[in-house]
Amino acid sequence: MNGWKLKQEPNAREYGVFVHTLSGIEQTGSCTAEEAKAFLALKLERAVFIEVYWTRDNLSLGALLIWLNAERAIFRLDEHREHYATDPDVFFDITQLSETFVNPPENDFQGNTFVEDFHHTVTKAQALAAALHWLDTGEKLESLNWS
């Protein structure tokens, strides 16, 4: 397993979930991993950006960030540094088109779009699987490549 791993106490984990849509933010209060997973599953299709923070005593112990478009996702875990997931079955190909994503409309992002190379993305299904795995274990999904 690459990267830093904080010893977790399953009953002590608390999460905050922020789902950004084009019409605003939907969020949870402090919640358990199971509540965070249920919230994500319901909101994934309308989201353009998702933030999940793992906290203890108001201290962030890690976060996941997901930018979404119709088919693909950019998936990032923030632990002691940023770890980006990539699809192990997708390789750089100069003929591939870039994917367009939307930043959250709030704060300084103002809903601007940006492009990312296809090989730096994962499928939405892979992003959801990686999010659920991280919520269950605090670890990166081993079936993806990580920077």
N, C-alpha and C. Protein backbone atom coordinates (compact mmCIF):
# COMPACT_ATOMS: atom_id res chain seq x y z
N MET A 1 0.84 -1.18 0.00
CA MET A 1 0.00 0.00 0.00
C MET A 1 0.88 1.23 0.00
N ASN A 2 0.68 2.11 -0.96
CA ASN A 2 1.45 3.35 -1.04
C ASN A 2 0.87 4.39 -0.10
N GLY A 3 1.73 5.24 0.42
CA GLY A 3 1.26 6.39 1.17
C GLY A 3 1.08 6.13 2.65
N TRP A 4 0.68 7.16 3.28
CA TRP A 4 0.52 7.21 4.71
C TRP A 4 -0.82 6.63 5.11
N LYS A 5 -0.87 5.94 6.20
CA LYS A 5 -2.12 5.34 6.70
C LYS A 5 -2.24 5.64 8.18
N LEU A 6 -3.25 6.37 8.55
CA LEU A 6 -3.51 6.67 9.95
C LEU A 6 -4.26 5.51 10.56
N LYS A 7 -3.83 5.06 11.72
CA LYS A 7 -4.56 3.98 12.40
C LYS A 7 -5.96 4.49 12.71
N GLN A 8 -6.93 3.75 12.24
CA GLN A 8 -8.31 4.18 12.43
C GLN A 8 -8.98 3.42 13.55
N GLU A 9 -9.85 4.11 14.23
CA GLU A 9 -10.72 3.51 15.20
C GLU A 9 -12.12 3.60 14.59
N PRO A 10 -12.68 2.50 14.10
CA PRO A 10 -13.92 2.57 13.33
C PRO A 10 -15.04 3.34 13.99
N ASN A 11 -15.18 3.25 15.28
CA ASN A 11 -16.29 3.94 15.93
C ASN A 11 -16.01 5.42 16.14
N ALA A 12 -14.78 5.88 15.90
CA ALA A 12 -14.43 7.27 16.13
C ALA A 12 -14.45 8.10 14.84
N ARG A 13 -14.73 7.47 13.70
CA ARG A 13 -14.69 8.20 12.44
C ARG A 13 -15.97 9.01 12.25
N GLU A 14 -15.79 10.25 11.86
CA GLU A 14 -16.90 11.12 11.52
C GLU A 14 -16.60 11.75 10.17
N TYR A 15 -17.64 11.93 9.36
CA TYR A 15 -17.48 12.48 8.02
C TYR A 15 -18.42 13.65 7.82
N GLY A 16 -18.01 14.53 6.94
CA GLY A 16 -18.88 15.57 6.43
C GLY A 16 -18.87 15.44 4.92
N VAL A 17 -20.04 15.47 4.30
CA VAL A 17 -20.16 15.30 2.85
C VAL A 17 -20.78 16.55 2.25
N PHE A 18 -20.15 17.08 1.21
CA PHE A 18 -20.66 18.24 0.49
C PHE A 18 -20.80 17.85 -0.97
N VAL A 19 -22.01 17.92 -1.49
CA VAL A 19 -22.29 17.58 -2.88
C VAL A 19 -22.67 18.87 -3.60
N HIS A 20 -21.84 19.27 -4.55
CA HIS A 20 -22.07 20.50 -5.31
C HIS A 20 -22.79 20.13 -6.60
N THR A 21 -23.92 20.76 -6.84
CA THR A 21 -24.65 20.60 -8.10
C THR A 21 -24.67 21.97 -8.76
N LEU A 22 -25.16 22.06 -9.97
CA LEU A 22 -25.23 23.35 -10.64
C LEU A 22 -26.22 24.29 -9.95
N SER A 23 -27.11 23.75 -9.13
CA SER A 23 -28.08 24.60 -8.44
C SER A 23 -27.72 24.88 -6.97
N GLY A 24 -26.61 24.36 -6.49
CA GLY A 24 -26.21 24.65 -5.12
C GLY A 24 -25.56 23.48 -4.43
N ILE A 25 -25.41 23.61 -3.10
CA ILE A 25 -24.73 22.60 -2.29
C ILE A 25 -25.75 21.86 -1.44
N GLU A 26 -25.60 20.54 -1.38
CA GLU A 26 -26.34 19.72 -0.43
C GLU A 26 -25.29 19.09 0.47
N GLN A 27 -25.54 19.09 1.77
CA GLN A 27 -24.52 18.58 2.66
C GLN A 27 -25.12 17.83 3.83
N THR A 28 -24.28 17.00 4.42
CA THR A 28 -24.65 16.31 5.65
C THR A 28 -24.07 17.10 6.81
N GLY A 29 -24.54 16.83 7.98
CA GLY A 29 -23.82 17.25 9.17
C GLY A 29 -22.76 16.20 9.43
N SER A 30 -22.25 16.16 10.62
CA SER A 30 -21.31 15.10 10.97
C SER A 30 -22.05 13.78 10.89
N CYS A 31 -21.47 12.80 10.18
CA CYS A 31 -22.17 11.53 9.98
C CYS A 31 -21.19 10.36 9.99
N THR A 32 -21.75 9.17 10.07
CA THR A 32 -20.95 7.95 10.05
C THR A 32 -20.59 7.59 8.61
N ALA A 33 -19.72 6.62 8.44
CA ALA A 33 -19.36 6.15 7.11
C ALA A 33 -20.58 5.60 6.38
N GLU A 34 -21.42 4.86 7.06
CA GLU A 34 -22.62 4.29 6.42
C GLU A 34 -23.57 5.39 5.95
N GLU A 35 -23.74 6.43 6.75
CA GLU A 35 -24.59 7.55 6.35
C GLU A 35 -23.98 8.30 5.17
N ALA A 36 -22.67 8.47 5.18
CA ALA A 36 -21.99 9.15 4.07
C ALA A 36 -22.14 8.35 2.78
N LYS A 37 -22.00 7.02 2.86
CA LYS A 37 -22.15 6.17 1.67
C LYS A 37 -23.57 6.25 1.12
N ALA A 38 -24.57 6.23 1.96
CA ALA A 38 -25.96 6.32 1.50
C ALA A 38 -26.23 7.67 0.84
N PHE A 39 -25.70 8.73 1.43
CA PHE A 39 -25.88 10.08 0.87
C PHE A 39 -25.23 10.18 -0.50
N LEU A 40 -24.00 9.66 -0.62
CA LEU A 40 -23.29 9.70 -1.91
C LEU A 40 -24.05 8.94 -2.99
N ALA A 41 -24.53 7.76 -2.66
CA ALA A 41 -25.23 6.93 -3.64
C ALA A 41 -26.46 7.65 -4.18
N LEU A 42 -27.13 8.42 -3.35
CA LEU A 42 -28.33 9.15 -3.78
C LEU A 42 -28.01 10.37 -4.62
N LYS A 43 -26.87 11.00 -4.39
CA LYS A 43 -26.57 12.30 -4.99
C LYS A 43 -25.61 12.24 -6.18
N LEU A 44 -25.02 11.11 -6.44
CA LEU A 44 -23.94 11.02 -7.42
C LEU A 44 -24.34 11.50 -8.81
N GLU A 45 -25.50 11.16 -9.28
CA GLU A 45 -25.88 11.47 -10.67
C GLU A 45 -26.04 12.96 -10.95
N ARG A 46 -26.42 13.74 -9.94
CA ARG A 46 -26.62 15.17 -10.17
C ARG A 46 -25.40 16.00 -9.82
N ALA A 47 -24.41 15.40 -9.22
CA ALA A 47 -23.27 16.14 -8.71
C ALA A 47 -22.29 16.53 -9.83
N VAL A 48 -21.66 17.67 -9.65
CA VAL A 48 -20.52 18.05 -10.49
C VAL A 48 -19.22 17.99 -9.68
N PHE A 49 -19.36 18.05 -8.34
CA PHE A 49 -18.18 18.01 -7.48
C PHE A 49 -18.63 17.49 -6.12
N ILE A 50 -17.84 16.59 -5.53
CA ILE A 50 -18.16 16.01 -4.23
C ILE A 50 -16.93 16.13 -3.34
N GLU A 51 -17.16 16.55 -2.10
CA GLU A 51 -16.11 16.61 -1.09
C GLU A 51 -16.56 15.76 0.10
N VAL A 52 -15.69 14.90 0.59
CA VAL A 52 -15.96 14.14 1.81
C VAL A 52 -14.76 14.33 2.72
N TYR A 53 -15.03 14.80 3.93
CA TYR A 53 -13.97 15.03 4.90
C TYR A 53 -14.10 14.07 6.06
N TRP A 54 -12.99 13.45 6.42
CA TRP A 54 -12.92 12.59 7.59
C TRP A 54 -12.34 13.45 8.71
N THR A 55 -13.08 13.62 9.79
CA THR A 55 -12.65 14.51 10.86
C THR A 55 -12.70 13.79 12.20
N ARG A 56 -11.94 14.31 13.12
CA ARG A 56 -12.01 13.90 14.52
C ARG A 56 -11.68 15.15 15.35
N ASP A 57 -12.58 15.50 16.23
CA ASP A 57 -12.39 16.68 17.09
C ASP A 57 -12.05 17.92 16.25
N ASN A 58 -12.79 18.14 15.19
CA ASN A 58 -12.63 19.29 14.28
C ASN A 58 -11.27 19.32 13.58
N LEU A 59 -10.59 18.20 13.50
CA LEU A 59 -9.32 18.09 12.80
C LEU A 59 -9.52 17.22 11.57
N SER A 60 -9.12 17.71 10.40
CA SER A 60 -9.26 16.92 9.18
C SER A 60 -8.17 15.86 9.13
N LEU A 61 -8.57 14.60 8.97
CA LEU A 61 -7.63 13.49 8.89
C LEU A 61 -7.50 12.95 7.48
N GLY A 62 -8.27 13.48 6.57
CA GLY A 62 -8.23 13.06 5.18
C GLY A 62 -9.47 13.55 4.46
N ALA A 63 -9.38 13.55 3.14
CA ALA A 63 -10.52 14.00 2.35
C ALA A 63 -10.48 13.31 1.00
N LEU A 64 -11.66 13.18 0.41
CA LEU A 64 -11.71 12.76 -0.98
C LEU A 64 -12.46 13.82 -1.76
N LEU A 65 -12.02 14.05 -2.97
CA LEU A 65 -12.60 15.04 -3.87
C LEU A 65 -12.88 14.35 -5.20
N ILE A 66 -14.08 14.55 -5.72
CA ILE A 66 -14.46 13.92 -6.98
C ILE A 66 -15.10 14.97 -7.89
N TRP A 67 -14.50 15.18 -9.06
CA TRP A 67 -15.12 16.00 -10.11
C TRP A 67 -15.79 15.03 -11.07
N LEU A 68 -17.02 15.32 -11.47
CA LEU A 68 -17.80 14.40 -12.29
C LEU A 68 -18.31 15.08 -13.56
N ASN A 69 -18.33 14.31 -14.65
CA ASN A 69 -19.10 14.71 -15.83
C ASN A 69 -20.04 13.56 -16.15
N ALA A 70 -20.55 13.49 -17.35
CA ALA A 70 -21.56 12.47 -17.66
C ALA A 70 -21.03 11.05 -17.52
N GLU A 71 -19.78 10.80 -17.88
CA GLU A 71 -19.25 9.44 -17.90
C GLU A 71 -18.01 9.20 -17.03
N ARG A 72 -17.23 10.24 -16.79
CA ARG A 72 -15.92 10.07 -16.16
C ARG A 72 -15.82 10.89 -14.88
N ALA A 73 -14.73 10.67 -14.16
CA ALA A 73 -14.49 11.39 -12.91
C ALA A 73 -12.99 11.61 -12.72
N ILE A 74 -12.68 12.68 -12.03
CA ILE A 74 -11.34 12.90 -11.49
C ILE A 74 -11.47 12.58 -10.01
N PHE A 75 -10.65 11.68 -9.51
CA PHE A 75 -10.76 11.22 -8.13
C PHE A 75 -9.46 11.52 -7.40
N ARG A 76 -9.56 12.28 -6.30
CA ARG A 76 -8.37 12.65 -5.54
C ARG A 76 -8.58 12.36 -4.06
N LEU A 77 -7.60 11.74 -3.44
CA LEU A 77 -7.57 11.56 -1.99
C LEU A 77 -6.51 12.50 -1.43
N ASP A 78 -6.88 13.23 -0.42
CA ASP A 78 -5.92 14.09 0.28
C ASP A 78 -5.64 13.46 1.63
N GLU A 79 -4.42 13.03 1.79
CA GLU A 79 -3.98 12.53 3.08
C GLU A 79 -2.89 13.47 3.53
N HIS A 80 -1.65 13.07 3.49
CA HIS A 80 -0.57 14.03 3.76
C HIS A 80 -0.15 14.72 2.48
N ARG A 81 -0.66 14.25 1.36
CA ARG A 81 -0.47 14.90 0.06
C ARG A 81 -1.62 14.46 -0.84
N GLU A 82 -1.64 14.96 -2.06
CA GLU A 82 -2.71 14.61 -3.00
C GLU A 82 -2.36 13.32 -3.73
N HIS A 83 -3.32 12.40 -3.79
CA HIS A 83 -3.18 11.14 -4.51
C HIS A 83 -4.30 11.09 -5.54
N TYR A 84 -3.93 11.05 -6.82
CA TYR A 84 -4.93 10.96 -7.89
C TYR A 84 -5.05 9.53 -8.38
N ALA A 85 -6.30 9.10 -8.61
CA ALA A 85 -6.55 7.77 -9.13
C ALA A 85 -6.61 7.82 -10.65
N THR A 86 -6.09 6.78 -11.29
CA THR A 86 -6.25 6.62 -12.73
C THR A 86 -6.67 5.19 -13.02
N ASP A 87 -7.31 5.04 -14.15
CA ASP A 87 -7.82 3.74 -14.60
C ASP A 87 -6.65 2.93 -15.15
N PRO A 88 -6.35 1.77 -14.59
CA PRO A 88 -5.21 0.98 -15.06
C PRO A 88 -5.40 0.44 -16.48
N ASP A 89 -6.62 0.46 -17.00
CA ASP A 89 -6.88 -0.03 -18.35
C ASP A 89 -6.83 1.07 -19.41
N VAL A 90 -6.56 2.30 -19.00
CA VAL A 90 -6.51 3.43 -19.95
C VAL A 90 -5.07 3.94 -19.99
N PHE A 91 -4.54 4.01 -21.19
CA PHE A 91 -3.17 4.47 -21.38
C PHE A 91 -3.19 5.75 -22.20
N PHE A 92 -2.11 6.50 -22.10
CA PHE A 92 -2.01 7.73 -22.87
C PHE A 92 -2.10 7.41 -24.36
N ASP A 93 -2.95 8.15 -25.03
CA ASP A 93 -3.13 8.02 -26.47
C ASP A 93 -3.39 9.41 -27.00
N ILE A 94 -2.52 9.89 -27.86
CA ILE A 94 -2.64 11.27 -28.35
C ILE A 94 -3.94 11.52 -29.10
N THR A 95 -4.60 10.46 -29.57
CA THR A 95 -5.86 10.64 -30.31
C THR A 95 -7.07 10.75 -29.39
N GLN A 96 -6.90 10.47 -28.09
CA GLN A 96 -8.03 10.57 -27.17
C GLN A 96 -8.39 12.02 -26.92
N LEU A 97 -9.67 12.28 -26.84
CA LEU A 97 -10.14 13.61 -26.53
C LEU A 97 -10.03 13.85 -25.03
N SER A 98 -9.86 15.10 -24.66
CA SER A 98 -9.87 15.46 -23.26
C SER A 98 -11.29 15.45 -22.73
N GLU A 99 -11.41 15.31 -21.42
CA GLU A 99 -12.71 15.35 -20.75
C GLU A 99 -12.91 16.73 -20.14
N THR A 100 -14.13 17.25 -20.21
CA THR A 100 -14.45 18.55 -19.64
C THR A 100 -15.20 18.37 -18.32
N PHE A 101 -14.79 19.12 -17.32
CA PHE A 101 -15.39 19.08 -16.00
C PHE A 101 -15.77 20.49 -15.57
N VAL A 102 -16.66 20.59 -14.59
CA VAL A 102 -17.11 21.88 -14.06
C VAL A 102 -16.66 21.99 -12.61
N ASN A 103 -16.06 23.12 -12.27
CA ASN A 103 -15.75 23.38 -10.87
C ASN A 103 -17.03 23.78 -10.15
N PRO A 104 -17.07 23.64 -8.83
CA PRO A 104 -18.27 24.04 -8.11
C PRO A 104 -18.56 25.53 -8.33
N PRO A 105 -19.84 25.91 -8.42
CA PRO A 105 -20.16 27.31 -8.69
C PRO A 105 -19.92 28.24 -7.51
N GLU A 106 -19.68 27.71 -6.33
CA GLU A 106 -19.50 28.55 -5.15
C GLU A 106 -18.07 29.06 -5.04
N ASN A 107 -17.90 30.00 -4.17
CA ASN A 107 -16.60 30.57 -3.81
C ASN A 107 -15.89 31.14 -5.03
N ASP A 108 -14.61 30.91 -5.15
CA ASP A 108 -13.83 31.49 -6.25
C ASP A 108 -13.92 30.70 -7.54
N PHE A 109 -14.51 29.50 -7.51
CA PHE A 109 -14.54 28.66 -8.70
C PHE A 109 -15.54 29.18 -9.74
N GLN A 110 -16.66 29.71 -9.31
CA GLN A 110 -17.68 30.34 -10.16
C GLN A 110 -18.15 29.44 -11.29
N GLY A 111 -18.09 28.13 -11.11
CA GLY A 111 -18.63 27.21 -12.10
C GLY A 111 -17.87 27.14 -13.40
N ASN A 112 -16.61 27.57 -13.40
CA ASN A 112 -15.83 27.52 -14.64
C ASN A 112 -15.51 26.09 -15.03
N THR A 113 -15.33 25.86 -16.31
CA THR A 113 -15.00 24.52 -16.80
C THR A 113 -13.49 24.40 -16.99
N PHE A 114 -13.03 23.16 -16.99
CA PHE A 114 -11.63 22.87 -17.28
C PHE A 114 -11.57 21.51 -17.94
N VAL A 115 -10.46 21.23 -18.59
CA VAL A 115 -10.31 19.95 -19.28
C VAL A 115 -9.19 19.14 -18.62
N GLU A 116 -9.34 17.83 -18.70
CA GLU A 116 -8.35 16.90 -18.16
C GLU A 116 -8.14 15.81 -19.19
N ASP A 117 -6.90 15.36 -19.34
CA ASP A 117 -6.63 14.26 -20.26
C ASP A 117 -7.41 13.02 -19.84
N PHE A 118 -7.92 12.31 -20.82
CA PHE A 118 -8.74 11.12 -20.58
C PHE A 118 -8.02 10.12 -19.68
N HIS A 119 -6.72 9.93 -19.89
CA HIS A 119 -5.99 8.93 -19.11
C HIS A 119 -5.75 9.36 -17.65
N HIS A 120 -6.13 10.58 -17.28
CA HIS A 120 -6.04 11.02 -15.89
C HIS A 120 -7.38 10.90 -15.18
N THR A 121 -8.34 10.21 -15.79
CA THR A 121 -9.68 10.07 -15.22
C THR A 121 -9.99 8.60 -14.95
N VAL A 122 -11.09 8.39 -14.23
CA VAL A 122 -11.62 7.06 -13.98
C VAL A 122 -13.10 7.08 -14.37
N THR A 123 -13.72 5.92 -14.47
CA THR A 123 -15.15 5.89 -14.73
C THR A 123 -15.89 6.33 -13.47
N LYS A 124 -17.15 6.72 -13.65
CA LYS A 124 -17.96 7.08 -12.49
C LYS A 124 -18.11 5.89 -11.54
N ALA A 125 -18.24 4.69 -12.11
CA ALA A 125 -18.37 3.48 -11.28
C ALA A 125 -17.09 3.26 -10.46
N GLN A 126 -15.92 3.47 -11.08
CA GLN A 126 -14.66 3.33 -10.34
C GLN A 126 -14.56 4.38 -9.23
N ALA A 127 -15.01 5.60 -9.52
CA ALA A 127 -14.97 6.66 -8.51
C ALA A 127 -15.85 6.31 -7.32
N LEU A 128 -17.05 5.81 -7.60
CA LEU A 128 -17.95 5.43 -6.51
C LEU A 128 -17.36 4.28 -5.71
N ALA A 129 -16.80 3.28 -6.39
CA ALA A 129 -16.19 2.15 -5.69
C ALA A 129 -15.02 2.62 -4.82
N ALA A 130 -14.20 3.53 -5.34
CA ALA A 130 -13.06 4.04 -4.57
C ALA A 130 -13.54 4.84 -3.36
N ALA A 131 -14.61 5.63 -3.53
CA ALA A 131 -15.16 6.40 -2.41
C ALA A 131 -15.71 5.48 -1.32
N LEU A 132 -16.47 4.48 -1.74
CA LEU A 132 -17.05 3.55 -0.76
C LEU A 132 -15.96 2.77 -0.03
N HIS A 133 -14.92 2.36 -0.77
CA HIS A 133 -13.81 1.62 -0.15
C HIS A 133 -13.09 2.51 0.86
N TRP A 134 -12.84 3.77 0.50
CA TRP A 134 -12.16 4.69 1.41
C TRP A 134 -13.00 4.92 2.67
N LEU A 135 -14.31 5.05 2.49
CA LEU A 135 -15.19 5.23 3.65
C LEU A 135 -15.19 4.00 4.55
N ASP A 136 -15.09 2.82 3.97
CA ASP A 136 -15.06 1.57 4.75
C ASP A 136 -13.73 1.35 5.46
N THR A 137 -12.63 1.66 4.77
CA THR A 137 -11.31 1.24 5.26
C THR A 137 -10.32 2.36 5.51
N GLY A 138 -10.54 3.53 4.89
CA GLY A 138 -9.55 4.60 4.96
C GLY A 138 -8.38 4.37 4.02
N GLU A 139 -8.50 3.39 3.11
CA GLU A 139 -7.41 3.04 2.20
C GLU A 139 -7.80 3.30 0.75
N LYS A 140 -6.77 3.37 -0.08
CA LYS A 140 -6.97 3.52 -1.53
C LYS A 140 -7.45 2.19 -2.11
N LEU A 141 -8.31 2.27 -3.12
CA LEU A 141 -8.78 1.08 -3.81
C LEU A 141 -7.63 0.52 -4.64
N GLU A 142 -7.23 -0.70 -4.39
CA GLU A 142 -6.04 -1.27 -5.01
C GLU A 142 -6.21 -1.56 -6.50
N SER A 143 -7.44 -1.62 -7.00
CA SER A 143 -7.63 -1.90 -8.42
C SER A 143 -7.37 -0.68 -9.30
N LEU A 144 -7.14 0.48 -8.70
CA LEU A 144 -6.81 1.69 -9.45
C LEU A 144 -5.32 2.00 -9.29
N ASN A 145 -4.79 2.78 -10.23
CA ASN A 145 -3.42 3.29 -10.08
C ASN A 145 -3.48 4.60 -9.33
N TRP A 146 -2.46 4.90 -8.53
CA TRP A 146 -2.44 6.10 -7.69
C TRP A 146 -1.13 6.86 -7.90
N SER A 147 -1.24 8.17 -7.93
CA SER A 147 -0.03 9.01 -8.05
C SER A 147 0.55 9.27 -6.67
